[in-house]
C-alpha atoms as a PDB file:
ATOM      1  CA  MET A   1       0.024  -0.036   0.048  1.00  0.00           C
ATOM      2  CA  TYR A   2       2.997   2.347   0.634  1.00  0.00           C
ATOM      3  CA  ASP A   3       5.256   1.287  -2.185  1.00  0.00           C
ATOM      4  CA  ALA A   4       5.065   4.880  -3.731  1.00  0.00           C
ATOM      5  CA  GLN A   5       5.835   6.532  -0.707  1.00  0.00           C
ATOM      6  CA  VAL A   6       8.862   3.798   0.359  1.00  0.00           C
ATOM      7  CA  ALA A   7      10.201   4.686  -3.183  1.00  0.00           C
ATOM      8  CA  ALA A   8      10.239   8.275  -2.913  1.00  0.00           C
ATOM      9  CA  LEU A   9      11.553   8.226   0.588  1.00  0.00           C
ATOM     10  CA  LYS A  10      14.215   5.310   0.660  1.00  0.00           C
ATOM     11  CA  GLY A  11      17.007   7.520  -0.832  1.00  0.00           C
ATOM     12  CA  ARG A  12      17.043   9.819   2.224  1.00  0.00           C
ATOM     13  CA  TYR A  13      15.488   7.465   5.085  1.00  0.00           C
ATOM     14  CA  ARG A  14      15.570   4.065   6.248  1.00  0.00           C
ATOM     15  CA  CYS A  15      12.025   2.758   5.353  1.00  0.00           C
ATOM     16  CA  ILE A  16      10.318  -0.527   6.779  1.00  0.00           C
ATOM     17  CA  ALA A  17       6.998  -1.418   5.692  1.00  0.00           C
ATOM     18  CA  TYR A  18       5.161  -2.808   8.630  1.00  0.00           C
ATOM     19  CA  ASP A  19       2.328  -5.151   8.582  1.00  0.00           C
ATOM     20  CA  HIS A  20       0.200  -5.893  11.995  1.00  0.00           C
ATOM     21  CA  ARG A  21      -0.003  -9.205  13.187  1.00  0.00           C
ATOM     22  CA  GLY A  22      -2.075 -11.436  11.063  1.00  0.00           C
ATOM     23  CA  GLN A  23      -2.099  -9.022   8.269  1.00  0.00           C
ATOM     24  CA  GLY A  24      -0.110  -9.068   4.996  1.00  0.00           C
ATOM     25  CA  ALA A  25       2.959 -11.040   5.174  1.00  0.00           C
ATOM     26  CA  SER A  26       3.025 -11.165   8.887  1.00  0.00           C
ATOM     27  CA  ALA A  27       2.442 -14.751  10.533  1.00  0.00           C
ATOM     28  CA  VAL A  28      -0.652 -15.365  12.599  1.00  0.00           C
ATOM     29  CA  ALA A  29      -0.076 -14.468  16.068  1.00  0.00           C
ATOM     30  CA  GLU A  30      -1.288 -16.288  19.236  1.00  0.00           C
ATOM     31  CA  GLY A  31      -1.938 -13.174  21.532  1.00  0.00           C
ATOM     32  CA  GLY A  32      -4.960 -11.978  19.739  1.00  0.00           C
ATOM     33  CA  TYR A  33      -5.622  -9.078  17.324  1.00  0.00           C
ATOM     34  CA  ASP A  34      -7.104  -6.520  19.449  1.00  0.00           C
ATOM     35  CA  ILE A  35      -6.089  -3.026  19.278  1.00  0.00           C
ATOM     36  CA  ASP A  36      -4.037  -3.136  22.632  1.00  0.00           C
ATOM     37  CA  ASN A  37      -1.809  -6.028  20.942  1.00  0.00           C
ATOM     38  CA  VAL A  38      -1.455  -4.568  17.667  1.00  0.00           C
ATOM     39  CA  ALA A  39      -0.516  -1.186  19.252  1.00  0.00           C
ATOM     40  CA  GLU A  40       2.024  -2.728  21.623  1.00  0.00           C
ATOM     41  CA  ASP A  41       3.544  -4.743  18.708  1.00  0.00           C
ATOM     42  CA  ALA A  42       4.434  -1.327  17.044  1.00  0.00           C
ATOM     43  CA  ALA A  43       5.676   0.254  19.940  1.00  0.00           C
ATOM     44  CA  ARG A  44       7.954  -2.762  20.618  1.00  0.00           C
ATOM     45  CA  SER A  45       9.090  -2.660  16.838  1.00  0.00           C
ATOM     46  CA  SER A  46      10.035   1.190  17.309  1.00  0.00           C
ATOM     47  CA  ARG A  47      11.691   0.784  20.682  1.00  0.00           C
ATOM     48  CA  ALA A  48      13.712  -2.143  19.135  1.00  0.00           C
ATOM     49  CA  ARG A  49      15.343   0.103  16.978  1.00  0.00           C
ATOM     50  CA  ARG A  50      16.883   2.416  19.850  1.00  0.00           C
ATOM     51  CA  ARG A  51      16.303   5.489  17.608  1.00  0.00           C
ATOM     52  CA  ALA A  52      13.750   8.095  16.974  1.00  0.00           C
ATOM     53  CA  VAL A  53      11.163   6.725  14.339  1.00  0.00           C
ATOM     54  CA  HIS A  54       8.605   8.522  12.144  1.00  0.00           C
ATOM     55  CA  PHE A  55       5.469   5.876  12.224  1.00  0.00           C
ATOM     56  CA  VAL A  56       3.286   6.287   8.989  1.00  0.00           C
ATOM     57  CA  GLY A  57      -0.034   4.657   8.742  1.00  0.00           C
ATOM     58  CA  LEU A  58      -3.730   4.950   8.272  1.00  0.00           C
ATOM     59  CA  SER A  59      -6.450   5.084  10.947  1.00  0.00           C
ATOM     60  CA  MET A  60      -7.710   1.734  11.889  1.00  0.00           C
ATOM     61  CA  ALA A  61     -11.548   1.522  12.427  1.00  0.00           C
ATOM     62  CA  VAL A  62     -12.693   0.084  16.015  1.00  0.00           C
ATOM     63  CA  SER A  63     -16.099  -1.253  16.447  1.00  0.00           C
ATOM     64  CA  TRP A  64     -17.134  -1.491  20.089  1.00  0.00           C
ATOM     65  CA  GLY A  65     -19.982  -3.994  20.731  1.00  0.00           C
END
């Protein structure tokens, strides 16, 4: 989905195309797919890089039933 943006930015920045658990090329996860889990996954990925990151994405619709 972000191929054009990555192509435009990769000459100046390190770009990582991130999939939330169970989406795209990501493996199926055991811990569930609620918004808290996917948010923590993204935060953990960012912390693992041990440097500032710019995280770009789309809003995730959440349905409360």
